[in-house]
C-alpha atoms as a PDB file:
ATOM      1  CA  MET A   1     120.963 131.146 163.456  1.00  0.00           C
ATOM      2  CA  ARG A   2     119.027 129.713 160.722  1.00  0.00           C
ATOM      3  CA  VAL A   3     119.818 132.482 157.757  1.00  0.00           C
ATOM      4  CA  VAL A   4     118.437 133.228 154.319  1.00  0.00           C
ATOM      5  CA  PHE A   5     121.039 134.714 152.153  1.00  0.00           C
ATOM      6  CA  MET A   6     120.014 136.714 149.082  1.00  0.00           C
ATOM      7  CA  GLY A   7     122.707 138.126 146.837  1.00  0.00           C
ATOM      8  CA  THR A   8     124.005 137.962 143.166  1.00  0.00           C
ATOM      9  CA  PRO A   9     127.555 139.054 142.182  1.00  0.00           C
ATOM     10  CA  GLU A  10     131.003 138.271 142.777  1.00  0.00           C
ATOM     11  CA  PHE A  11     131.050 140.764 145.890  1.00  0.00           C
ATOM     12  CA  SER A  12     128.590 138.600 147.914  1.00  0.00           C
ATOM     13  CA  VAL A  13     130.401 135.567 147.532  1.00  0.00           C
ATOM     14  CA  PRO A  14     132.712 136.087 150.363  1.00  0.00           C
ATOM     15  CA  VAL A  15     129.892 136.628 152.814  1.00  0.00           C
ATOM     16  CA  LEU A  16     128.089 133.794 151.802  1.00  0.00           C
ATOM     17  CA  ASP A  17     131.273 131.905 152.441  1.00  0.00           C
ATOM     18  CA  ALA A  18     131.830 133.293 156.069  1.00  0.00           C
ATOM     19  CA  LEU A  19     128.090 132.707 156.885  1.00  0.00           C
ATOM     20  CA  HIS A  20     128.219 129.100 155.836  1.00  0.00           C
ATOM     21  CA  LYS A  21     131.133 128.386 158.056  1.00  0.00           C
ATOM     22  CA  SER A  22     129.166 129.876 161.067  1.00  0.00           C
ATOM     23  CA  HIS A  23     125.433 129.692 160.960  1.00  0.00           C
ATOM     24  CA  GLU A  24     122.809 127.304 159.144  1.00  0.00           C
ATOM     25  CA  VAL A  25     121.995 128.813 155.642  1.00  0.00           C
ATOM     26  CA  VAL A  26     118.686 127.377 154.868  1.00  0.00           C
ATOM     27  CA  ALA A  27     118.352 128.745 151.504  1.00  0.00           C
ATOM     28  CA  VAL A  28     120.293 131.149 149.135  1.00  0.00           C
ATOM     29  CA  TYR A  29     118.327 133.642 146.725  1.00  0.00           C
ATOM     30  CA  SER A  30     120.038 135.066 143.566  1.00  0.00           C
ATOM     31  CA  GLN A  31     119.185 136.658 140.376  1.00  0.00           C
ATOM     32  CA  PRO A  32     118.299 134.137 137.652  1.00  0.00           C
ATOM     33  CA  PRO A  33     120.830 132.920 134.961  1.00  0.00           C
ATOM     34  CA  ARG A  34     121.548 135.198 132.302  1.00  0.00           C
ATOM     35  CA  PRO A  35     122.549 134.515 128.777  1.00  0.00           C
ATOM     36  CA  ALA A  36     126.383 134.995 128.422  1.00  0.00           C
ATOM     37  CA  GLY A  37     129.217 134.688 125.915  1.00  0.00           C
ATOM     38  CA  ARG A  38     129.012 134.145 122.179  1.00  0.00           C
ATOM     39  CA  GLY A  39     126.578 131.201 122.632  1.00  0.00           C
ATOM     40  CA  GLN A  40     124.445 132.944 124.755  1.00  0.00           C
ATOM     41  CA  ALA A  41     124.037 130.238 126.942  1.00  0.00           C
ATOM     42  CA  LEU A  42     122.625 130.816 130.516  1.00  0.00           C
ATOM     43  CA  ARG A  43     125.149 131.316 133.375  1.00  0.00           C
ATOM     44  CA  PRO A  44     124.437 131.385 136.782  1.00  0.00           C
ATOM     45  CA  SER A  45     125.343 134.322 139.038  1.00  0.00           C
ATOM     46  CA  PRO A  46     128.561 134.021 141.023  1.00  0.00           C
ATOM     47  CA  VAL A  47     126.346 133.520 144.287  1.00  0.00           C
ATOM     48  CA  GLN A  48     124.299 130.689 142.600  1.00  0.00           C
ATOM     49  CA  ALA A  49     127.475 129.024 141.446  1.00  0.00           C
ATOM     50  CA  ARG A  50     129.054 128.931 144.871  1.00  0.00           C
ATOM     51  CA  ALA A  51     125.794 128.075 146.664  1.00  0.00           C
ATOM     52  CA  GLU A  52     125.480 125.011 144.388  1.00  0.00           C
ATOM     53  CA  ALA A  53     129.201 124.357 144.990  1.00  0.00           C
ATOM     54  CA  LEU A  54     128.627 124.467 148.874  1.00  0.00           C
ATOM     55  CA  GLY A  55     125.589 122.229 148.663  1.00  0.00           C
ATOM     56  CA  LEU A  56     122.892 124.502 149.683  1.00  0.00           C
ATOM     57  CA  PRO A  57     119.341 125.039 148.560  1.00  0.00           C
ATOM     58  CA  THR A  58     119.475 127.853 145.796  1.00  0.00           C
ATOM     59  CA  ARG A  59     116.468 129.776 144.305  1.00  0.00           C
ATOM     60  CA  TYR A  60     116.133 132.660 141.663  1.00  0.00           C
ATOM     61  CA  PRO A  61     112.701 133.824 141.421  1.00  0.00           C
ATOM     62  CA  THR A  62     112.026 136.672 138.814  1.00  0.00           C
ATOM     63  CA  SER A  63     109.868 138.225 141.448  1.00  0.00           C
ATOM     64  CA  LEU A  64     109.051 138.028 145.175  1.00  0.00           C
ATOM     65  CA  ARG A  65     105.525 139.534 145.179  1.00  0.00           C
ATOM     66  CA  THR A  66     103.586 136.441 144.132  1.00  0.00           C
ATOM     67  CA  PRO A  67     102.025 134.201 146.691  1.00  0.00           C
ATOM     68  CA  GLU A  68     104.040 131.282 145.705  1.00  0.00           C
ATOM     69  CA  ALA A  69     107.112 133.066 146.437  1.00  0.00           C
ATOM     70  CA  LEU A  70     105.886 134.698 149.802  1.00  0.00           C
ATOM     71  CA  ALA A  71     104.625 131.517 150.937  1.00  0.00           C
ATOM     72  CA  GLU A  72     108.032 129.632 150.066  1.00  0.00           C
ATOM     73  CA  PHE A  73     110.048 132.218 151.977  1.00  0.00           C
ATOM     74  CA  ALA A  74     107.859 132.272 154.881  1.00  0.00           C
ATOM     75  CA  ALA A  75     108.018 128.374 155.339  1.00  0.00           C
ATOM     76  CA  LEU A  76     111.947 128.639 155.649  1.00  0.00           C
ATOM     77  CA  ASP A  77     111.099 129.869 159.364  1.00  0.00           C
ATOM     78  CA  ALA A  78     114.319 131.793 159.155  1.00  0.00           C
ATOM     79  CA  ASP A  79     115.920 134.003 162.190  1.00  0.00           C
ATOM     80  CA  VAL A  80     117.281 136.237 159.681  1.00  0.00           C
ATOM     81  CA  ALA A  81     117.861 137.123 156.181  1.00  0.00           C
ATOM     82  CA  LEU A  82     121.079 139.028 154.922  1.00  0.00           C
ATOM     83  CA  VAL A  83     121.063 140.735 151.683  1.00  0.00           C
ATOM     84  CA  VAL A  84     124.179 141.648 149.669  1.00  0.00           C
ATOM     85  CA  ALA A  85     123.678 143.239 146.174  1.00  0.00           C
ATOM     86  CA  TYR A  86     120.709 140.840 145.520  1.00  0.00           C
ATOM     87  CA  GLY A  87     119.163 143.263 142.617  1.00  0.00           C
ATOM     88  CA  LEU A  88     115.431 142.786 143.648  1.00  0.00           C
ATOM     89  CA  ILE A  89     113.197 144.954 145.829  1.00  0.00           C
ATOM     90  CA  LEU A  90     112.168 143.208 148.883  1.00  0.00           C
ATOM     91  CA  PRO A  91     108.397 143.553 149.509  1.00  0.00           C
ATOM     92  CA  GLN A  92     107.092 144.384 153.166  1.00  0.00           C
ATOM     93  CA  ALA A  93     105.904 140.900 153.688  1.00  0.00           C
ATOM     94  CA  ILE A  94     109.490 139.533 153.102  1.00  0.00           C
ATOM     95  CA  LEU A  95     111.221 142.133 155.039  1.00  0.00           C
ATOM     96  CA  ASP A  96     108.758 141.040 157.923  1.00  0.00           C
ATOM     97  CA  ALA A  97     109.007 137.254 157.997  1.00  0.00           C
ATOM     98  CA  PRO A  98     112.398 136.650 159.707  1.00  0.00           C
ATOM     99  CA  ARG A  99     111.828 136.678 163.120  1.00  0.00           C
ATOM    100  CA  LEU A 100     114.843 139.324 163.531  1.00  0.00           C
ATOM    101  CA  GLY A 101     114.279 140.759 160.367  1.00  0.00           C
ATOM    102  CA  CYS A 102     116.371 141.567 156.944  1.00  0.00           C
ATOM    103  CA  LEU A 103     119.952 142.974 157.338  1.00  0.00           C
ATOM    104  CA  ASN A 104     121.770 144.772 154.475  1.00  0.00           C
ATOM    105  CA  ILE A 105     125.411 144.664 153.838  1.00  0.00           C
ATOM    106  CA  HIS A 106     126.049 148.263 152.092  1.00  0.00           C
ATOM    107  CA  ALA A 107     129.438 149.254 150.729  1.00  0.00           C
ATOM    108  CA  SER A 108     129.502 152.980 151.896  1.00  0.00           C
ATOM    109  CA  LEU A 109     129.329 154.806 155.049  1.00  0.00           C
ATOM    110  CA  LEU A 110     125.840 155.710 155.119  1.00  0.00           C
ATOM    111  CA  PRO A 111     123.869 158.184 154.565  1.00  0.00           C
ATOM    112  CA  ARG A 112     126.791 158.891 151.904  1.00  0.00           C
ATOM    113  CA  TRP A 113     126.126 156.764 148.754  1.00  0.00           C
ATOM    114  CA  ARG A 114     123.051 155.044 148.961  1.00  0.00           C
ATOM    115  CA  GLY A 115     122.050 153.216 145.929  1.00  0.00           C
ATOM    116  CA  ALA A 116     123.485 151.015 143.148  1.00  0.00           C
ATOM    117  CA  ALA A 117     126.909 152.082 142.699  1.00  0.00           C
ATOM    118  CA  PRO A 118     128.439 153.217 146.109  1.00  0.00           C
ATOM    119  CA  ILE A 119     132.243 152.135 145.062  1.00  0.00           C
ATOM    120  CA  HIS A 120     132.076 153.572 141.700  1.00  0.00           C
ATOM    121  CA  ARG A 121     130.888 156.807 142.902  1.00  0.00           C
ATOM    122  CA  ALA A 122     133.257 157.112 145.973  1.00  0.00           C
ATOM    123  CA  ILE A 123     136.111 156.987 143.699  1.00  0.00           C
ATOM    124  CA  MET A 124     134.706 159.120 141.041  1.00  0.00           C
ATOM    125  CA  ALA A 125     133.659 161.737 143.550  1.00  0.00           C
ATOM    126  CA  GLY A 126     137.401 161.880 144.874  1.00  0.00           C
ATOM    127  CA  ASP A 127     136.255 160.386 148.529  1.00  0.00           C
ATOM    128  CA  ALA A 128     139.163 159.946 150.910  1.00  0.00           C
ATOM    129  CA  GLU A 129     137.353 156.913 152.811  1.00  0.00           C
ATOM    130  CA  THR A 130     134.651 154.565 152.472  1.00  0.00           C
ATOM    131  CA  GLY A 131     133.523 151.481 154.348  1.00  0.00           C
ATOM    132  CA  ILE A 132     130.698 149.020 155.231  1.00  0.00           C
ATOM    133  CA  CYS A 133     127.559 149.317 157.199  1.00  0.00           C
ATOM    134  CA  ILE A 134     125.184 146.591 158.436  1.00  0.00           C
ATOM    135  CA  MET A 135     121.935 148.072 158.157  1.00  0.00           C
ATOM    136  CA  GLN A 136     118.490 146.854 159.313  1.00  0.00           C
ATOM    137  CA  MET A 137     116.459 146.963 156.057  1.00  0.00           C
ATOM    138  CA  GLU A 138     112.818 148.809 155.622  1.00  0.00           C
ATOM    139  CA  ALA A 139     110.822 149.832 152.676  1.00  0.00           C
ATOM    140  CA  GLY A 140     113.220 152.884 151.692  1.00  0.00           C
ATOM    141  CA  LEU A 141     116.135 152.760 149.492  1.00  0.00           C
ATOM    142  CA  ASP A 142     119.194 152.277 152.033  1.00  0.00           C
ATOM    143  CA  THR A 143     117.500 154.326 154.747  1.00  0.00           C
ATOM    144  CA  GLY A 144     117.215 151.807 157.623  1.00  0.00           C
ATOM    145  CA  PRO A 145     118.964 152.180 160.918  1.00  0.00           C
ATOM    146  CA  VAL A 146     122.917 151.251 160.858  1.00  0.00           C
ATOM    147  CA  LEU A 147     123.775 148.523 163.516  1.00  0.00           C
ATOM    148  CA  LEU A 148     127.524 148.542 162.715  1.00  0.00           C
ATOM    149  CA  ARG A 149     129.917 150.116 160.680  1.00  0.00           C
ATOM    150  CA  SER A 150     133.683 150.253 159.621  1.00  0.00           C
ATOM    151  CA  ALA A 151     135.775 152.498 157.500  1.00  0.00           C
ATOM    152  CA  MET A 152     138.897 152.121 155.330  1.00  0.00           C
ATOM    153  CA  THR A 153     140.901 154.690 153.659  1.00  0.00           C
ATOM    154  CA  ILE A 154     140.942 154.628 149.674  1.00  0.00           C
ATOM    155  CA  GLY A 155     144.133 154.541 148.196  1.00  0.00           C
ATOM    156  CA  THR A 156     145.177 157.420 145.713  1.00  0.00           C
ATOM    157  CA  GLU A 157     145.705 155.021 142.761  1.00  0.00           C
ATOM    158  CA  GLU A 158     143.105 152.717 143.897  1.00  0.00           C
ATOM    159  CA  THR A 159     140.657 151.222 141.169  1.00  0.00           C
ATOM    160  CA  THR A 160     136.716 150.233 141.853  1.00  0.00           C
ATOM    161  CA  GLY A 161     137.858 146.557 141.192  1.00  0.00           C
ATOM    162  CA  GLU A 162     140.451 146.530 143.986  1.00  0.00           C
ATOM    163  CA  LEU A 163     138.563 148.758 146.316  1.00  0.00           C
ATOM    164  CA  HIS A 164     135.625 146.407 145.754  1.00  0.00           C
ATOM    165  CA  ASP A 165     137.636 143.070 146.993  1.00  0.00           C
ATOM    166  CA  ARG A 166     138.757 144.806 150.130  1.00  0.00           C
ATOM    167  CA  LEU A 167     135.269 145.804 150.891  1.00  0.00           C
ATOM    168  CA  SER A 168     133.890 142.506 150.402  1.00  0.00           C
ATOM    169  CA  THR A 169     136.615 140.934 152.784  1.00  0.00           C
ATOM    170  CA  MET A 170     135.388 143.530 155.286  1.00  0.00           C
ATOM    171  CA  GLY A 171     131.688 142.849 154.857  1.00  0.00           C
ATOM    172  CA  ALA A 172     132.055 139.262 155.208  1.00  0.00           C
ATOM    173  CA  ALA A 173     134.062 139.900 158.795  1.00  0.00           C
ATOM    174  CA  LEU A 174     131.548 142.697 159.653  1.00  0.00           C
ATOM    175  CA  ILE A 175     128.389 140.655 159.318  1.00  0.00           C
ATOM    176  CA  VAL A 176     129.674 137.843 161.300  1.00  0.00           C
ATOM    177  CA  GLN A 177     130.571 140.269 164.135  1.00  0.00           C
ATOM    178  CA  ALA A 178     127.253 141.683 163.962  1.00  0.00           C
ATOM    179  CA  LEU A 179     125.263 138.508 164.173  1.00  0.00           C
ATOM    180  CA  ALA A 180     127.421 137.424 167.165  1.00  0.00           C
ATOM    181  CA  ARG A 181     126.520 140.480 168.692  1.00  0.00           C
ATOM    182  CA  LEU A 182     122.849 141.223 167.389  1.00  0.00           C
ATOM    183  CA  ALA A 183     121.282 141.239 170.625  1.00  0.00           C
ATOM    184  CA  ASP A 184     123.437 143.958 172.012  1.00  0.00           C
ATOM    185  CA  LEU A 185     123.642 146.440 169.096  1.00  0.00           C
ATOM    186  CA  THR A 186     121.456 149.580 169.312  1.00  0.00           C
ATOM    187  CA  PRO A 187     120.172 150.628 165.655  1.00  0.00           C
ATOM    188  CA  ASP A 188     121.689 154.108 164.896  1.00  0.00           C
ATOM    189  CA  PRO A 189     118.722 156.058 162.551  1.00  0.00           C
ATOM    190  CA  GLN A 190     120.564 157.673 159.897  1.00  0.00           C
ATOM    191  CA  SER A 191     121.155 161.429 159.559  1.00  0.00           C
ATOM    192  CA  ASP A 192     119.130 163.234 157.235  1.00  0.00           C
ATOM    193  CA  ASP A 193     122.339 165.551 156.699  1.00  0.00           C
ATOM    194  CA  GLY A 194     124.896 164.637 153.915  1.00  0.00           C
ATOM    195  CA  VAL A 195     122.653 161.835 152.069  1.00  0.00           C
ATOM    196  CA  THR A 196     123.811 161.255 148.591  1.00  0.00           C
ATOM    197  CA  TYR A 197     122.771 158.696 145.785  1.00  0.00           C
ATOM    198  CA  ALA A 198     125.067 156.520 144.069  1.00  0.00           C
ATOM    199  CA  ALA A 199     123.046 156.419 140.699  1.00  0.00           C
ATOM    200  CA  LYS A 200     123.595 153.119 138.581  1.00  0.00           C
ATOM    201  CA  ILE A 201     126.691 153.712 135.896  1.00  0.00           C
ATOM    202  CA  ASP A 202     125.610 154.596 132.655  1.00  0.00           C
ATOM    203  CA  LYS A 203     127.833 153.601 129.959  1.00  0.00           C
ATOM    204  CA  ALA A 204     127.347 157.068 128.358  1.00  0.00           C
ATOM    205  CA  GLU A 205     129.446 158.516 131.306  1.00  0.00           C
ATOM    206  CA  ALA A 206     132.589 156.324 130.336  1.00  0.00           C
ATOM    207  CA  ARG A 207     133.853 158.501 127.541  1.00  0.00           C
ATOM    208  CA  VAL A 208     137.323 160.430 128.573  1.00  0.00           C
ATOM    209  CA  ASP A 209     136.791 164.401 128.474  1.00  0.00           C
ATOM    210  CA  TRP A 210     140.088 165.389 127.993  1.00  0.00           C
ATOM    211  CA  SER A 211     139.128 169.135 128.587  1.00  0.00           C
ATOM    212  CA  ARG A 212     138.616 168.213 132.360  1.00  0.00           C
ATOM    213  CA  PRO A 213     141.127 168.768 135.061  1.00  0.00           C
ATOM    214  CA  ALA A 214     143.614 165.833 135.309  1.00  0.00           C
ATOM    215  CA  VAL A 215     142.273 164.774 138.643  1.00  0.00           C
ATOM    216  CA  GLU A 216     138.622 164.289 137.341  1.00  0.00           C
ATOM    217  CA  VAL A 217     140.051 162.386 134.591  1.00  0.00           C
ATOM    218  CA  ASP A 218     142.357 160.172 137.143  1.00  0.00           C
ATOM    219  CA  ARG A 219     139.051 159.624 139.388  1.00  0.00           C
ATOM    220  CA  LEU A 220     136.980 158.649 136.162  1.00  0.00           C
ATOM    221  CA  ILE A 221     139.517 156.180 134.952  1.00  0.00           C
ATOM    222  CA  ARG A 222     139.818 154.585 138.208  1.00  0.00           C
ATOM    223  CA  GLY A 223     136.359 154.596 139.096  1.00  0.00           C
ATOM    224  CA  LEU A 224     135.160 152.624 136.107  1.00  0.00           C
ATOM    225  CA  SER A 225     137.741 150.247 136.080  1.00  0.00           C
ATOM    226  CA  PRO A 226     137.074 147.395 135.428  1.00  0.00           C
ATOM    227  CA  PHE A 227     133.615 147.606 134.139  1.00  0.00           C
ATOM    228  CA  PRO A 228     132.235 149.049 132.304  1.00  0.00           C
ATOM    229  CA  GLY A 229     135.741 150.863 131.698  1.00  0.00           C
ATOM    230  CA  ALA A 230     136.642 154.390 130.955  1.00  0.00           C
ATOM    231  CA  TRP A 231     137.577 154.775 127.048  1.00  0.00           C
ATOM    232  CA  CYS A 232     138.963 157.229 124.228  1.00  0.00           C
ATOM    233  CA  GLN A 233     139.677 157.034 120.452  1.00  0.00           C
ATOM    234  CA  PHE A 234     143.403 156.112 119.500  1.00  0.00           C
ATOM    235  CA  GLY A 235     143.177 157.058 116.072  1.00  0.00           C
ATOM    236  CA  LYS A 236     140.273 154.692 114.615  1.00  0.00           C
ATOM    237  CA  GLU A 237     140.578 152.357 117.486  1.00  0.00           C
ATOM    238  CA  ARG A 238     138.523 152.692 120.770  1.00  0.00           C
ATOM    239  CA  VAL A 239     140.740 151.835 124.003  1.00  0.00           C
ATOM    240  CA  LYS A 240     139.751 151.151 127.299  1.00  0.00           C
ATOM    241  CA  LEU A 241     141.557 152.931 130.079  1.00  0.00           C
ATOM    242  CA  LEU A 242     141.855 150.894 133.055  1.00  0.00           C
ATOM    243  CA  LYS A 243     144.512 152.449 135.642  1.00  0.00           C
ATOM    244  CA  SER A 244     146.131 155.778 135.992  1.00  0.00           C
ATOM    245  CA  ARG A 245     147.675 158.530 138.176  1.00  0.00           C
ATOM    246  CA  VAL A 246     147.686 162.365 138.072  1.00  0.00           C
ATOM    247  CA  VAL A 247     151.312 163.694 136.936  1.00  0.00           C
ATOM    248  CA  SER A 248     152.933 166.945 136.186  1.00  0.00           C
ATOM    249  CA  GLY A 249     152.701 168.050 132.511  1.00  0.00           C
ATOM    250  CA  GLN A 250     150.953 170.550 130.310  1.00  0.00           C
ATOM    251  CA  GLY A 251     149.543 170.626 126.793  1.00  0.00           C
ATOM    252  CA  ALA A 252     146.571 171.075 125.023  1.00  0.00           C
ATOM    253  CA  PRO A 253     143.721 168.610 126.134  1.00  0.00           C
ATOM    254  CA  GLY A 254     144.234 165.098 124.657  1.00  0.00           C
ATOM    255  CA  GLN A 255     147.744 165.925 123.749  1.00  0.00           C
ATOM    256  CA  VAL A 256     149.982 162.741 123.908  1.00  0.00           C
ATOM    257  CA  LEU A 257     153.130 164.513 126.059  1.00  0.00           C
ATOM    258  CA  SER A 258     155.229 160.962 126.172  1.00  0.00           C
ATOM    259  CA  GLY A 259     154.443 157.563 126.434  1.00  0.00           C
ATOM    260  CA  LEU A 260     150.858 157.342 127.764  1.00  0.00           C
ATOM    261  CA  THR A 261     151.017 160.482 129.462  1.00  0.00           C
ATOM    262  CA  ILE A 262     148.299 162.733 128.344  1.00  0.00           C
ATOM    263  CA  ALA A 263     147.387 166.371 128.700  1.00  0.00           C
ATOM    264  CA  CYS A 264     144.061 167.314 130.549  1.00  0.00           C
ATOM    265  CA  GLY A 265     142.262 170.741 131.018  1.00  0.00           C
ATOM    266  CA  GLU A 266     144.523 171.246 133.778  1.00  0.00           C
ATOM    267  CA  GLY A 267     147.826 168.973 134.339  1.00  0.00           C
ATOM    268  CA  ALA A 268     148.100 165.475 132.863  1.00  0.00           C
ATOM    269  CA  VAL A 269     147.433 161.663 133.434  1.00  0.00           C
ATOM    270  CA  ASP A 270     149.708 159.076 133.349  1.00  0.00           C
ATOM    271  CA  ILE A 271     147.942 155.835 131.976  1.00  0.00           C
ATOM    272  CA  LEU A 272     149.097 152.666 133.727  1.00  0.00           C
ATOM    273  CA  MET A 273     147.026 150.125 132.097  1.00  0.00           C
ATOM    274  CA  ALA A 274     145.023 149.904 129.167  1.00  0.00           C
ATOM    275  CA  GLN A 275     143.288 147.668 126.920  1.00  0.00           C
ATOM    276  CA  ARG A 276     142.713 147.463 123.077  1.00  0.00           C
ATOM    277  CA  GLU A 277     139.565 146.124 121.698  1.00  0.00           C
ATOM    278  CA  GLY A 278     139.578 142.109 121.525  1.00  0.00           C
ATOM    279  CA  LYS A 279     142.718 142.096 123.429  1.00  0.00           C
ATOM    280  CA  ARG A 280     143.545 141.751 127.144  1.00  0.00           C
ATOM    281  CA  PRO A 281     144.315 144.527 129.321  1.00  0.00           C
ATOM    282  CA  GLN A 282     147.968 145.391 129.294  1.00  0.00           C
ATOM    283  CA  ALA A 283     150.300 147.418 131.631  1.00  0.00           C
ATOM    284  CA  GLN A 284     151.885 150.565 130.175  1.00  0.00           C
ATOM    285  CA  ALA A 285     155.123 149.410 129.269  1.00  0.00           C
ATOM    286  CA  ASP A 286     153.660 146.194 127.447  1.00  0.00           C
ATOM    287  CA  PHE A 287     151.024 148.455 125.525  1.00  0.00           C
ATOM    288  CA  LEU A 288     153.797 150.882 124.209  1.00  0.00           C
ATOM    289  CA  ARG A 289     155.755 147.935 122.952  1.00  0.00           C
ATOM    290  CA  GLY A 290     155.488 148.109 118.918  1.00  0.00           C
ATOM    291  CA  ALA A 291     152.188 150.587 119.625  1.00  0.00           C
ATOM    292  CA  VAL A 292     151.981 153.586 116.936  1.00  0.00           C
ATOM    293  CA  LEU A 293     150.420 156.272 119.169  1.00  0.00           C
ATOM    294  CA  PRO A 294     148.643 159.411 117.554  1.00  0.00           C
ATOM    295  CA  ASP A 295     149.808 162.979 118.760  1.00  0.00           C
ATOM    296  CA  TRP A 296     146.265 163.349 120.098  1.00  0.00           C
ATOM    297  CA  LEU A 297     143.528 161.167 121.790  1.00  0.00           C
ATOM    298  CA  ASP A 298     139.884 161.991 121.505  1.00  0.00           C
END
């Protein structure tokens, strides 16, 4: 098939690789390069960088609503467009342009967790499973009928980063299946029951509240790892908490019980990985080596 690929972050890269091996990718759309690093030099998105390495024509318009952008897209004469965490709203003219429409690879079991941050929200909510849906796109936010879906169990100590990588691999395999079977797949309209929205992560959510039950604190830490990273105050220093597990223990909220075991409103959490300001993430044993910990964390 003649395929237009539209994606931006690292999550989308394995999907692009899979499509490049099995179909003709006539163009890749991604978000424009952004200033990054100390020098604020423009850095291409992971998808743009990979597309250019593969020798694929790459475009990064700031809008798809201009007459020029619409005409350029229509001229590609695509059979299908595949959208994976692209970051721009597709106007109806774009949705209608490919012969077989636009398909979206969404990292949840729709209608649960429509929206921007489905992986984070699934872990933060304590979901037992999640998965990938291949969805026909329409004007609504992740409301289109589902063509194919596949589920996976969320590990009890799994972080968003770890689940992200597994779902990305699943999405790449599932879209290849979907395109091979596209003529035989029956669109399944989403139910109105069980709809939830995965709002974009706000950094204000990231500070740990030790008065919450340990189960909720653990979900927050794992759900926000590696980005933006849940954090707390170690004395005057802000420290990110990147991996944890629920353990037995009792004390006042925020009390350091032993090592990196911290009391919560109910129970305790053991911090398995943490990161000091300006330092690399460290496993618990390395973090504790030579560290002087306060009696309480804020």
